[in-house]
């Protein structure tokens, strides 16, 4: 039976990858895990291949999915900090496992040393 509502996940794997799939989400979650708290500018410098518009959109999606906290300080200039939620923290062992798998595959394919994330 076809799912008529394209926004409704088909299964739990679909649900999970809708939350963390894509080019940047996993990396953002990993960087926030490693740095605990990051400001927008720090994320922008770390993710050199992302546009400001895409970074903003991705952070909003992660916040909407309760994976990232956004804390705004009422000061001039505005200060915004991002960190992982408890739900976001739950993903870290899985992201780490994917990172380890990626390291192994890169080494097998290219004979290269692992890339740093």
PDB file of N, CA and C in Angstrom:
ATOM      1  N   UNK A   1       0.837  -1.190   0.000  1.00  0.00           N
ATOM      2  CA  UNK A   1       0.000   0.000   0.000  1.00  0.00           C
ATOM      3  C   UNK A   1       0.878   1.249   0.000  1.00  0.00           C
ATOM      4  N   UNK A   2       0.578   2.168  -0.860  1.00  0.00           N
ATOM      5  CA  UNK A   2       1.366   3.391  -0.959  1.00  0.00           C
ATOM      6  C   UNK A   2       0.999   4.354   0.158  1.00  0.00           C
ATOM      7  N   UNK A   3       2.022   5.072   0.622  1.00  0.00           N
ATOM      8  CA  UNK A   3       1.824   6.099   1.627  1.00  0.00           C
ATOM      9  C   UNK A   3       1.411   7.378   0.914  1.00  0.00           C
ATOM     10  N   UNK A   4       0.200   7.839   1.148  1.00  0.00           N
ATOM     11  CA  UNK A   4      -0.311   9.012   0.432  1.00  0.00           C
ATOM     12  C   UNK A   4       0.282  10.316   0.951  1.00  0.00           C
ATOM     13  N   UNK A   5       0.666  10.355   2.206  1.00  0.00           N
ATOM     14  CA  UNK A   5       1.243  11.565   2.787  1.00  0.00           C
ATOM     15  C   UNK A   5       2.766  11.434   2.751  1.00  0.00           C
ATOM     16  N   UNK A   6       3.419  12.201   1.879  1.00  0.00           N
ATOM     17  CA  UNK A   6       4.873  12.074   1.718  1.00  0.00           C
ATOM     18  C   UNK A   6       5.649  12.555   2.943  1.00  0.00           C
ATOM     19  N   UNK A   7       5.003  13.302   3.843  1.00  0.00           N
ATOM     20  CA  UNK A   7       5.674  13.773   5.047  1.00  0.00           C
ATOM     21  C   UNK A   7       5.670  12.736   6.159  1.00  0.00           C
ATOM     22  N   UNK A   8       4.847  11.714   6.040  1.00  0.00           N
ATOM     23  CA  UNK A   8       4.775  10.676   7.053  1.00  0.00           C
ATOM     24  C   UNK A   8       5.859   9.644   6.790  1.00  0.00           C
ATOM     25  N   UNK A   9       6.718   9.377   7.795  1.00  0.00           N
ATOM     26  CA  UNK A   9       7.772   8.380   7.575  1.00  0.00           C
ATOM     27  C   UNK A   9       7.172   7.006   7.289  1.00  0.00           C
ATOM     28  N   UNK A  10       7.837   6.266   6.433  1.00  0.00           N
ATOM     29  CA  UNK A  10       7.381   4.937   6.058  1.00  0.00           C
ATOM     30  C   UNK A  10       7.719   3.931   7.146  1.00  0.00           C
ATOM     31  N   UNK A  11       8.869   4.113   7.785  1.00  0.00           N
ATOM     32  CA  UNK A  11       9.306   3.218   8.849  1.00  0.00           C
ATOM     33  C   UNK A  11      10.272   3.985   9.754  1.00  0.00           C
ATOM     34  N   UNK A  12      10.739   3.321  10.800  1.00  0.00           N
ATOM     35  CA  UNK A  12      11.616   4.004  11.755  1.00  0.00           C
ATOM     36  C   UNK A  12      12.959   4.387  11.144  1.00  0.00           C
ATOM     37  N   UNK A  13      13.460   3.612  10.186  1.00  0.00           N
ATOM     38  CA  UNK A  13      14.716   3.972   9.519  1.00  0.00           C
ATOM     39  C   UNK A  13      14.506   5.252   8.714  1.00  0.00           C
ATOM     40  N   UNK A  14      13.398   5.337   8.012  1.00  0.00           N
ATOM     41  CA  UNK A  14      13.051   6.546   7.259  1.00  0.00           C
ATOM     42  C   UNK A  14      12.940   7.732   8.208  1.00  0.00           C
ATOM     43  N   UNK A  15      12.274   7.537   9.337  1.00  0.00           N
ATOM     44  CA  UNK A  15      12.122   8.598  10.336  1.00  0.00           C
ATOM     45  C   UNK A  15      13.494   9.105  10.780  1.00  0.00           C
ATOM     46  N   UNK A  16      14.397   8.177  11.130  1.00  0.00           N
ATOM     47  CA  UNK A  16      15.721   8.552  11.631  1.00  0.00           C
ATOM     48  C   UNK A  16      16.523   9.317  10.576  1.00  0.00           C
ATOM     49  N   UNK A  17      16.537   8.815   9.348  1.00  0.00           N
ATOM     50  CA  UNK A  17      17.337   9.476   8.319  1.00  0.00           C
ATOM     51  C   UNK A  17      16.739  10.806   7.887  1.00  0.00           C
ATOM     52  N   UNK A  18      15.462  10.995   8.067  1.00  0.00           N
ATOM     53  CA  UNK A  18      14.884  12.317   7.804  1.00  0.00           C
ATOM     54  C   UNK A  18      15.403  13.330   8.819  1.00  0.00           C
ATOM     55  N   UNK A  19      15.721  12.871  10.027  1.00  0.00           N
ATOM     56  CA  UNK A  19      16.207  13.764  11.076  1.00  0.00           C
ATOM     57  C   UNK A  19      17.696  14.060  10.946  1.00  0.00           C
ATOM     58  N   UNK A  20      18.483  13.064  10.540  1.00  0.00           N
ATOM     59  CA  UNK A  20      19.943  13.249  10.531  1.00  0.00           C
ATOM     60  C   UNK A  20      20.563  13.106   9.160  1.00  0.00           C
ATOM     61  N   UNK A  21      19.763  12.791   8.143  1.00  0.00           N
ATOM     62  CA  UNK A  21      20.294  12.608   6.799  1.00  0.00           C
ATOM     63  C   UNK A  21      20.690  13.932   6.178  1.00  0.00           C
ATOM     64  N   UNK A  22      21.336  13.840   5.066  1.00  0.00           N
ATOM     65  CA  UNK A  22      21.768  15.040   4.367  1.00  0.00           C
ATOM     66  C   UNK A  22      23.249  15.263   4.534  1.00  0.00           C
ATOM     67  N   UNK A  23      23.716  16.259   3.860  1.00  0.00           N
ATOM     68  CA  UNK A  23      25.150  16.512   3.775  1.00  0.00           C
ATOM     69  C   UNK A  23      25.754  17.076   5.068  1.00  0.00           C
ATOM     70  N   UNK A  24      24.976  17.806   5.856  1.00  0.00           N
ATOM     71  CA  UNK A  24      25.556  18.559   6.966  1.00  0.00           C
ATOM     72  C   UNK A  24      25.104  18.150   8.369  1.00  0.00           C
ATOM     73  N   UNK A  25      23.936  17.574   8.504  1.00  0.00           N
ATOM     74  CA  UNK A  25      23.381  17.342   9.834  1.00  0.00           C
ATOM     75  C   UNK A  25      24.277  16.481  10.724  1.00  0.00           C
ATOM     76  N   UNK A  26      24.749  15.380  10.195  1.00  0.00           N
ATOM     77  CA  UNK A  26      25.611  14.504  10.990  1.00  0.00           C
ATOM     78  C   UNK A  26      26.876  15.209  11.440  1.00  0.00           C
ATOM     79  N   UNK A  27      27.470  15.988  10.537  1.00  0.00           N
ATOM     80  CA  UNK A  27      28.689  16.719  10.889  1.00  0.00           C
ATOM     81  C   UNK A  27      28.419  17.780  11.942  1.00  0.00           C
ATOM     82  N   UNK A  28      27.308  18.495  11.822  1.00  0.00           N
ATOM     83  CA  UNK A  28      26.970  19.513  12.820  1.00  0.00           C
ATOM     84  C   UNK A  28      26.798  18.862  14.181  1.00  0.00           C
ATOM     85  N   UNK A  29      26.073  17.749  14.241  1.00  0.00           N
ATOM     86  CA  UNK A  29      25.877  17.047  15.507  1.00  0.00           C
ATOM     87  C   UNK A  29      27.214  16.589  16.085  1.00  0.00           C
ATOM     88  N   UNK A  30      28.103  16.086  15.222  1.00  0.00           N
ATOM     89  CA  UNK A  30      29.410  15.613  15.675  1.00  0.00           C
ATOM     90  C   UNK A  30      30.258  16.767  16.211  1.00  0.00           C
ATOM     91  N   UNK A  31      30.269  17.891  15.498  1.00  0.00           N
ATOM     92  CA  UNK A  31      31.034  19.048  15.956  1.00  0.00           C
ATOM     93  C   UNK A  31      30.497  19.580  17.277  1.00  0.00           C
ATOM     94  N   UNK A  32      29.193  19.632  17.424  1.00  0.00           N
ATOM     95  CA  UNK A  32      28.612  20.098  18.689  1.00  0.00           C
ATOM     96  C   UNK A  32      28.951  19.140  19.823  1.00  0.00           C
ATOM     97  N   UNK A  33      29.002  17.865  19.523  1.00  0.00           N
ATOM     98  CA  UNK A  33      29.395  16.886  20.538  1.00  0.00           C
ATOM     99  C   UNK A  33      30.838  17.136  20.980  1.00  0.00           C
ATOM    100  N   UNK A  34      31.711  17.351  20.016  1.00  0.00           N
ATOM    101  CA  UNK A  34      33.132  17.540  20.331  1.00  0.00           C
ATOM    102  C   UNK A  34      33.433  18.869  21.012  1.00  0.00           C
ATOM    103  N   UNK A  35      32.670  19.896  20.706  1.00  0.00           N
ATOM    104  CA  UNK A  35      32.937  21.235  21.246  1.00  0.00           C
ATOM    105  C   UNK A  35      31.965  21.656  22.343  1.00  0.00           C
ATOM    106  N   UNK A  36      30.948  20.850  22.585  1.00  0.00           N
ATOM    107  CA  UNK A  36      29.913  21.103  23.600  1.00  0.00           C
ATOM    108  C   UNK A  36      29.000  22.274  23.241  1.00  0.00           C
ATOM    109  N   UNK A  37      29.581  23.441  23.035  1.00  0.00           N
ATOM    110  CA  UNK A  37      28.812  24.637  22.659  1.00  0.00           C
ATOM    111  C   UNK A  37      29.563  25.331  21.531  1.00  0.00           C
ATOM    112  N   UNK A  38      28.814  25.714  20.501  1.00  0.00           N
ATOM    113  CA  UNK A  38      29.422  26.458  19.403  1.00  0.00           C
ATOM    114  C   UNK A  38      28.504  27.595  19.001  1.00  0.00           C
ATOM    115  N   UNK A  39      29.120  28.706  18.631  1.00  0.00           N
ATOM    116  CA  UNK A  39      28.359  29.832  18.096  1.00  0.00           C
ATOM    117  C   UNK A  39      28.233  29.660  16.589  1.00  0.00           C
ATOM    118  N   UNK A  40      27.311  30.396  16.012  1.00  0.00           N
ATOM    119  CA  UNK A  40      27.049  30.305  14.576  1.00  0.00           C
ATOM    120  C   UNK A  40      28.334  30.508  13.768  1.00  0.00           C
ATOM    121  N   UNK A  41      29.096  31.532  14.106  1.00  0.00           N
ATOM    122  CA  UNK A  41      30.328  31.829  13.379  1.00  0.00           C
ATOM    123  C   UNK A  41      31.341  30.701  13.457  1.00  0.00           C
ATOM    124  N   UNK A  42      31.410  30.033  14.603  1.00  0.00           N
ATOM    125  CA  UNK A  42      32.331  28.903  14.755  1.00  0.00           C
ATOM    126  C   UNK A  42      31.898  27.744  13.856  1.00  0.00           C
ATOM    127  N   UNK A  43      30.596  27.497  13.823  1.00  0.00           N
ATOM    128  CA  UNK A  43      30.086  26.446  12.938  1.00  0.00           C
ATOM    129  C   UNK A  43      30.369  26.794  11.480  1.00  0.00           C
ATOM    130  N   UNK A  44      30.190  28.039  11.142  1.00  0.00           N
ATOM    131  CA  UNK A  44      30.411  28.514   9.769  1.00  0.00           C
ATOM    132  C   UNK A  44      31.866  28.308   9.352  1.00  0.00           C
ATOM    133  N   UNK A  45      32.803  28.590  10.270  1.00  0.00           N
ATOM    134  CA  UNK A  45      34.228  28.393   9.973  1.00  0.00           C
ATOM    135  C   UNK A  45      34.579  26.911   9.881  1.00  0.00           C
ATOM    136  N   UNK A  46      33.928  26.095  10.684  1.00  0.00           N
ATOM    137  CA  UNK A  46      34.199  24.659  10.711  1.00  0.00           C
ATOM    138  C   UNK A  46      33.659  23.969   9.473  1.00  0.00           C
ATOM    139  N   UNK A  47      32.462  24.364   9.044  1.00  0.00           N
ATOM    140  CA  UNK A  47      31.816  23.783   7.864  1.00  0.00           C
ATOM    141  C   UNK A  47      32.101  24.697   6.672  1.00  0.00           C
ATOM    142  N   UNK A  48      33.264  24.555   6.107  1.00  0.00           N
ATOM    143  CA  UNK A  48      33.699  25.481   5.056  1.00  0.00           C
ATOM    144  C   UNK A  48      32.927  25.324   3.752  1.00  0.00           C
ATOM    145  N   UNK A  49      32.234  24.211   3.576  1.00  0.00           N
ATOM    146  CA  UNK A  49      31.535  23.953   2.317  1.00  0.00           C
ATOM    147  C   UNK A  49      30.031  24.238   2.383  1.00  0.00           C
ATOM    148  N   UNK A  50      29.582  24.967   3.387  1.00  0.00           N
ATOM    149  CA  UNK A  50      28.160  25.255   3.540  1.00  0.00           C
ATOM    150  C   UNK A  50      27.913  26.754   3.370  1.00  0.00           C
ATOM    151  N   UNK A  51      26.795  27.085   2.760  1.00  0.00           N
ATOM    152  CA  UNK A  51      26.436  28.498   2.623  1.00  0.00           C
ATOM    153  C   UNK A  51      25.765  28.953   3.919  1.00  0.00           C
ATOM    154  N   UNK A  52      25.794  30.253   4.208  1.00  0.00           N
ATOM    155  CA  UNK A  52      25.107  30.740   5.411  1.00  0.00           C
ATOM    156  C   UNK A  52      23.622  30.372   5.418  1.00  0.00           C
ATOM    157  N   UNK A  53      22.977  30.467   4.274  1.00  0.00           N
ATOM    158  CA  UNK A  53      21.550  30.129   4.187  1.00  0.00           C
ATOM    159  C   UNK A  53      21.306  28.659   4.538  1.00  0.00           C
ATOM    160  N   UNK A  54      22.140  27.769   4.005  1.00  0.00           N
ATOM    161  CA  UNK A  54      21.981  26.338   4.275  1.00  0.00           C
ATOM    162  C   UNK A  54      22.295  26.012   5.728  1.00  0.00           C
ATOM    163  N   UNK A  55      23.308  26.661   6.310  1.00  0.00           N
ATOM    164  CA  UNK A  55      23.633  26.435   7.716  1.00  0.00           C
ATOM    165  C   UNK A  55      22.465  26.851   8.592  1.00  0.00           C
ATOM    166  N   UNK A  56      21.901  28.014   8.327  1.00  0.00           N
ATOM    167  CA  UNK A  56      20.750  28.490   9.102  1.00  0.00           C
ATOM    168  C   UNK A  56      19.582  27.519   8.971  1.00  0.00           C
ATOM    169  N   UNK A  57      19.296  27.096   7.764  1.00  0.00           N
ATOM    170  CA  UNK A  57      18.180  26.171   7.526  1.00  0.00           C
ATOM    171  C   UNK A  57      18.411  24.839   8.239  1.00  0.00           C
ATOM    172  N   UNK A  58      19.625  24.321   8.153  1.00  0.00           N
ATOM    173  CA  UNK A  58      19.943  23.039   8.779  1.00  0.00           C
ATOM    174  C   UNK A  58      19.859  23.133  10.297  1.00  0.00           C
ATOM    175  N   UNK A  59      20.368  24.214  10.869  1.00  0.00           N
ATOM    176  CA  UNK A  59      20.279  24.404  12.319  1.00  0.00           C
ATOM    177  C   UNK A  59      18.828  24.508  12.761  1.00  0.00           C
ATOM    178  N   UNK A  60      17.998  25.193  11.991  1.00  0.00           N
ATOM    179  CA  UNK A  60      16.573  25.294  12.320  1.00  0.00           C
ATOM    180  C   UNK A  60      15.899  23.929  12.295  1.00  0.00           C
ATOM    181  N   UNK A  61      16.240  23.110  11.306  1.00  0.00           N
ATOM    182  CA  UNK A  61      15.670  21.763  11.228  1.00  0.00           C
ATOM    183  C   UNK A  61      16.110  20.914  12.414  1.00  0.00           C
ATOM    184  N   UNK A  62      17.395  20.993  12.769  1.00  0.00           N
ATOM    185  CA  UNK A  62      17.896  20.232  13.913  1.00  0.00           C
ATOM    186  C   UNK A  62      17.241  20.693  15.216  1.00  0.00           C
ATOM    187  N   UNK A  63      17.014  21.990  15.323  1.00  0.00           N
ATOM    188  CA  UNK A  63      16.327  22.525  16.505  1.00  0.00           C
ATOM    189  C   UNK A  63      14.875  22.065  16.522  1.00  0.00           C
ATOM    190  N   UNK A  64      14.214  22.126  15.388  1.00  0.00           N
ATOM    191  CA  UNK A  64      12.821  21.704  15.274  1.00  0.00           C
ATOM    192  C   UNK A  64      12.656  20.223  15.616  1.00  0.00           C
ATOM    193  N   UNK A  65      13.665  19.423  15.290  1.00  0.00           N
ATOM    194  CA  UNK A  65      13.625  17.986  15.580  1.00  0.00           C
ATOM    195  C   UNK A  65      14.129  17.664  16.984  1.00  0.00           C
ATOM    196  N   UNK A  66      14.364  18.689  17.802  1.00  0.00           N
ATOM    197  CA  UNK A  66      14.799  18.541  19.189  1.00  0.00           C
ATOM    198  C   UNK A  66      16.156  17.831  19.310  1.00  0.00           C
ATOM    199  N   UNK A  67      17.033  18.080  18.356  1.00  0.00           N
ATOM    200  CA  UNK A  67      18.373  17.511  18.413  1.00  0.00           C
ATOM    201  C   UNK A  67      19.409  18.544  18.844  1.00  0.00           C
ATOM    202  N   UNK A  68      19.087  19.819  18.646  1.00  0.00           N
ATOM    203  CA  UNK A  68      20.008  20.917  18.959  1.00  0.00           C
ATOM    204  C   UNK A  68      19.266  21.984  19.761  1.00  0.00           C
ATOM    205  N   UNK A  69      19.942  22.489  20.789  1.00  0.00           N
ATOM    206  CA  UNK A  69      19.453  23.638  21.546  1.00  0.00           C
ATOM    207  C   UNK A  69      20.001  24.912  20.923  1.00  0.00           C
ATOM    208  N   UNK A  70      19.179  25.939  20.912  1.00  0.00           N
ATOM    209  CA  UNK A  70      19.612  27.267  20.446  1.00  0.00           C
ATOM    210  C   UNK A  70      19.365  28.229  21.595  1.00  0.00           C
ATOM    211  N   UNK A  71      20.428  28.820  22.088  1.00  0.00           N
ATOM    212  CA  UNK A  71      20.316  29.762  23.207  1.00  0.00           C
ATOM    213  C   UNK A  71      20.698  31.146  22.712  1.00  0.00           C
ATOM    214  N   UNK A  72      19.769  32.088  22.845  1.00  0.00           N
ATOM    215  CA  UNK A  72      19.982  33.464  22.395  1.00  0.00           C
ATOM    216  C   UNK A  72      20.220  34.344  23.609  1.00  0.00           C
ATOM    217  N   UNK A  73      21.289  35.112  23.566  1.00  0.00           N
ATOM    218  CA  UNK A  73      21.594  36.071  24.621  1.00  0.00           C
ATOM    219  C   UNK A  73      21.125  37.445  24.152  1.00  0.00           C
ATOM    220  N   UNK A  74      20.417  38.139  24.995  1.00  0.00           N
ATOM    221  CA  UNK A  74      19.895  39.460  24.663  1.00  0.00           C
ATOM    222  C   UNK A  74      20.979  40.504  24.895  1.00  0.00           C
ATOM    223  N   UNK A  75      21.854  40.639  23.918  1.00  0.00           N
ATOM    224  CA  UNK A  75      22.931  41.626  23.989  1.00  0.00           C
ATOM    225  C   UNK A  75      23.235  42.112  22.583  1.00  0.00           C
ATOM    226  N   UNK A  76      24.015  43.156  22.502  1.00  0.00           N
ATOM    227  CA  UNK A  76      24.397  43.712  21.207  1.00  0.00           C
ATOM    228  C   UNK A  76      25.917  43.599  21.075  1.00  0.00           C
ATOM    229  N   UNK A  77      26.436  42.981  20.026  1.00  0.00           N
ATOM    230  CA  UNK A  77      25.694  42.277  18.976  1.00  0.00           C
ATOM    231  C   UNK A  77      25.079  40.992  19.523  1.00  0.00           C
ATOM    232  N   UNK A  78      24.051  40.484  18.846  1.00  0.00           N
ATOM    233  CA  UNK A  78      23.384  39.266  19.331  1.00  0.00           C
ATOM    234  C   UNK A  78      24.364  38.104  19.430  1.00  0.00           C
ATOM    235  N   UNK A  79      24.177  37.302  20.451  1.00  0.00           N
ATOM    236  CA  UNK A  79      25.014  36.124  20.667  1.00  0.00           C
ATOM    237  C   UNK A  79      24.096  34.914  20.706  1.00  0.00           C
ATOM    238  N   UNK A  80      24.390  33.919  19.874  1.00  0.00           N
ATOM    239  CA  UNK A  80      23.592  32.700  19.814  1.00  0.00           C
ATOM    240  C   UNK A  80      24.534  31.516  19.961  1.00  0.00           C
ATOM    241  N   UNK A  81      24.182  30.593  20.846  1.00  0.00           N
ATOM    242  CA  UNK A  81      24.989  29.394  21.052  1.00  0.00           C
ATOM    243  C   UNK A  81      24.150  28.160  20.736  1.00  0.00           C
ATOM    244  N   UNK A  82      24.817  27.158  20.182  1.00  0.00           N
ATOM    245  CA  UNK A  82      24.174  25.894  19.850  1.00  0.00           C
ATOM    246  C   UNK A  82      24.838  24.775  20.633  1.00  0.00           C
ATOM    247  N   UNK A  83      24.026  23.834  21.084  1.00  0.00           N
ATOM    248  CA  UNK A  83      24.522  22.656  21.802  1.00  0.00           C
ATOM    249  C   UNK A  83      23.565  21.500  21.524  1.00  0.00           C
ATOM    250  N   UNK A  84      23.994  20.302  21.879  1.00  0.00           N
ATOM    251  CA  UNK A  84      23.145  19.136  21.683  1.00  0.00           C
ATOM    252  C   UNK A  84      22.110  19.026  22.787  1.00  0.00           C
ATOM    253  N   UNK A  85      20.926  18.563  22.438  1.00  0.00           N
ATOM    254  CA  UNK A  85      19.924  18.202  23.427  1.00  0.00           C
ATOM    255  C   UNK A  85      20.240  16.785  23.905  1.00  0.00           C
ATOM    256  N   UNK A  86      19.499  16.317  24.884  1.00  0.00           N
ATOM    257  CA  UNK A  86      19.656  14.931  25.347  1.00  0.00           C
ATOM    258  C   UNK A  86      19.338  13.964  24.202  1.00  0.00           C
ATOM    259  N   UNK A  87      18.344  14.302  23.400  1.00  0.00           N
ATOM    260  CA  UNK A  87      17.992  13.452  22.253  1.00  0.00           C
ATOM    261  C   UNK A  87      19.132  13.443  21.237  1.00  0.00           C
ATOM    262  N   UNK A  88      19.734  14.597  20.988  1.00  0.00           N
ATOM    263  CA  UNK A  88      20.876  14.680  20.094  1.00  0.00           C
ATOM    264  C   UNK A  88      22.060  13.864  20.607  1.00  0.00           C
ATOM    265  N   UNK A  89      22.276  13.903  21.919  1.00  0.00           N
ATOM    266  CA  UNK A  89      23.359  13.128  22.541  1.00  0.00           C
ATOM    267  C   UNK A  89      23.178  11.631  22.301  1.00  0.00           C
ATOM    268  N   UNK A  90      21.938  11.166  22.274  1.00  0.00           N
ATOM    269  CA  UNK A  90      21.661   9.744  22.049  1.00  0.00           C
ATOM    270  C   UNK A  90      22.172   9.272  20.686  1.00  0.00           C
ATOM    271  N   UNK A  91      22.292  10.181  19.731  1.00  0.00           N
ATOM    272  CA  UNK A  91      22.740   9.815  18.386  1.00  0.00           C
ATOM    273  C   UNK A  91      24.253   9.654  18.276  1.00  0.00           C
ATOM    274  N   UNK A  92      24.998  10.196  19.213  1.00  0.00           N
ATOM    275  CA  UNK A  92      26.455  10.245  19.102  1.00  0.00           C
ATOM    276  C   UNK A  92      27.104   8.862  18.948  1.00  0.00           C
ATOM    277  N   UNK A  93      26.716   7.844  19.716  1.00  0.00           N
ATOM    278  CA  UNK A  93      27.346   6.533  19.493  1.00  0.00           C
ATOM    279  C   UNK A  93      27.151   6.019  18.064  1.00  0.00           C
ATOM    280  N   UNK A  94      26.018   6.299  17.475  1.00  0.00           N
ATOM    281  CA  UNK A  94      25.745   5.843  16.114  1.00  0.00           C
ATOM    282  C   UNK A  94      26.545   6.646  15.089  1.00  0.00           C
ATOM    283  N   UNK A  95      26.638   7.950  15.317  1.00  0.00           N
ATOM    284  CA  UNK A  95      27.435   8.788  14.423  1.00  0.00           C
ATOM    285  C   UNK A  95      28.908   8.396  14.529  1.00  0.00           C
ATOM    286  N   UNK A  96      29.368   8.105  15.734  1.00  0.00           N
ATOM    287  CA  UNK A  96      30.752   7.676  15.927  1.00  0.00           C
ATOM    288  C   UNK A  96      31.004   6.353  15.204  1.00  0.00           C
ATOM    289  N   UNK A  97      30.048   5.445  15.277  1.00  0.00           N
ATOM    290  CA  UNK A  97      30.191   4.170  14.575  1.00  0.00           C
ATOM    291  C   UNK A  97      30.285   4.398  13.066  1.00  0.00           C
ATOM    292  N   UNK A  98      29.469   5.313  12.532  1.00  0.00           N
ATOM    293  CA  UNK A  98      29.539   5.653  11.110  1.00  0.00           C
ATOM    294  C   UNK A  98      30.885   6.292  10.768  1.00  0.00           C
ATOM    295  N   UNK A  99      31.399   7.131  11.671  1.00  0.00           N
ATOM    296  CA  UNK A  99      32.704   7.758  11.463  1.00  0.00           C
ATOM    297  C   UNK A  99      33.795   6.693  11.385  1.00  0.00           C
ATOM    298  N   UNK A 100      33.759   5.742  12.293  1.00  0.00           N
ATOM    299  CA  UNK A 100      34.748   4.661  12.292  1.00  0.00           C
ATOM    300  C   UNK A 100      34.643   3.828  11.014  1.00  0.00           C
ATOM    301  N   UNK A 101      33.430   3.542  10.584  1.00  0.00           N
ATOM    302  CA  UNK A 101      33.213   2.804   9.342  1.00  0.00           C
ATOM    303  C   UNK A 101      33.782   3.599   8.167  1.00  0.00           C
ATOM    304  N   UNK A 102      33.514   4.908   8.147  1.00  0.00           N
ATOM    305  CA  UNK A 102      34.037   5.769   7.083  1.00  0.00           C
ATOM    306  C   UNK A 102      35.553   5.783   7.063  1.00  0.00           C
ATOM    307  N   UNK A 103      36.186   5.871   8.241  1.00  0.00           N
ATOM    308  CA  UNK A 103      37.646   5.829   8.323  1.00  0.00           C
ATOM    309  C   UNK A 103      38.181   4.544   7.684  1.00  0.00           C
ATOM    310  N   UNK A 104      37.557   3.433   8.026  1.00  0.00           N
ATOM    311  CA  UNK A 104      37.987   2.130   7.506  1.00  0.00           C
ATOM    312  C   UNK A 104      37.833   2.066   5.991  1.00  0.00           C
ATOM    313  N   UNK A 105      36.714   2.549   5.485  1.00  0.00           N
ATOM    314  CA  UNK A 105      36.464   2.494   4.047  1.00  0.00           C
ATOM    315  C   UNK A 105      37.426   3.398   3.279  1.00  0.00           C
ATOM    316  N   UNK A 106      37.688   4.580   3.812  1.00  0.00           N
ATOM    317  CA  UNK A 106      38.633   5.505   3.165  1.00  0.00           C
ATOM    318  C   UNK A 106      40.018   4.875   3.109  1.00  0.00           C
ATOM    319  N   UNK A 107      40.421   4.265   4.209  1.00  0.00           N
ATOM    320  CA  UNK A 107      41.734   3.624   4.249  1.00  0.00           C
ATOM    321  C   UNK A 107      41.793   2.449   3.275  1.00  0.00           C
ATOM    322  N   UNK A 108      40.742   1.641   3.208  1.00  0.00           N
ATOM    323  CA  UNK A 108      40.707   0.499   2.295  1.00  0.00           C
ATOM    324  C   UNK A 108      40.717   0.932   0.836  1.00  0.00           C
ATOM    325  N   UNK A 109      39.973   1.983   0.524  1.00  0.00           N
ATOM    326  CA  UNK A 109      39.854   2.430  -0.860  1.00  0.00           C
ATOM    327  C   UNK A 109      41.077   3.192  -1.342  1.00  0.00           C
ATOM    328  N   UNK A 110      41.601   4.034  -0.505  1.00  0.00           N
ATOM    329  CA  UNK A 110      42.643   4.950  -0.945  1.00  0.00           C
ATOM    330  C   UNK A 110      44.001   4.727  -0.291  1.00  0.00           C
ATOM    331  N   UNK A 111      44.038   3.887   0.723  1.00  0.00           N
ATOM    332  CA  UNK A 111      45.275   3.731   1.472  1.00  0.00           C
ATOM    333  C   UNK A 111      45.631   4.983   2.237  1.00  0.00           C
ATOM    334  N   UNK A 112      44.632   5.857   2.431  1.00  0.00           N
ATOM    335  CA  UNK A 112      44.875   7.112   3.121  1.00  0.00           C
ATOM    336  C   UNK A 112      44.579   6.981   4.598  1.00  0.00           C
ATOM    337  N   UNK A 113      45.209   7.845   5.346  1.00  0.00           N
ATOM    338  CA  UNK A 113      44.926   7.941   6.766  1.00  0.00           C
ATOM    339  C   UNK A 113      43.579   8.613   6.932  1.00  0.00           C
ATOM    340  N   UNK A 114      42.920   8.325   8.036  1.00  0.00           N
ATOM    341  CA  UNK A 114      41.580   8.873   8.265  1.00  0.00           C
ATOM    342  C   UNK A 114      41.558  10.402   8.181  1.00  0.00           C
ATOM    343  N   UNK A 115      40.426  10.904   7.785  1.00  0.00           N
ATOM    344  CA  UNK A 115      40.187  12.343   7.728  1.00  0.00           C
ATOM    345  C   UNK A 115      39.650  12.797   9.075  1.00  0.00           C
ATOM    346  N   UNK A 116      39.999  13.986   9.475  1.00  0.00           N
ATOM    347  CA  UNK A 116      39.527  14.511  10.755  1.00  0.00           C
ATOM    348  C   UNK A 116      38.192  15.212  10.580  1.00  0.00           C
ATOM    349  N   UNK A 117      37.268  14.885  11.448  1.00  0.00           N
ATOM    350  CA  UNK A 117      35.968  15.583  11.491  1.00  0.00           C
ATOM    351  C   UNK A 117      35.878  16.345  12.773  1.00  0.00           C
TER     352      UNK A 117
END
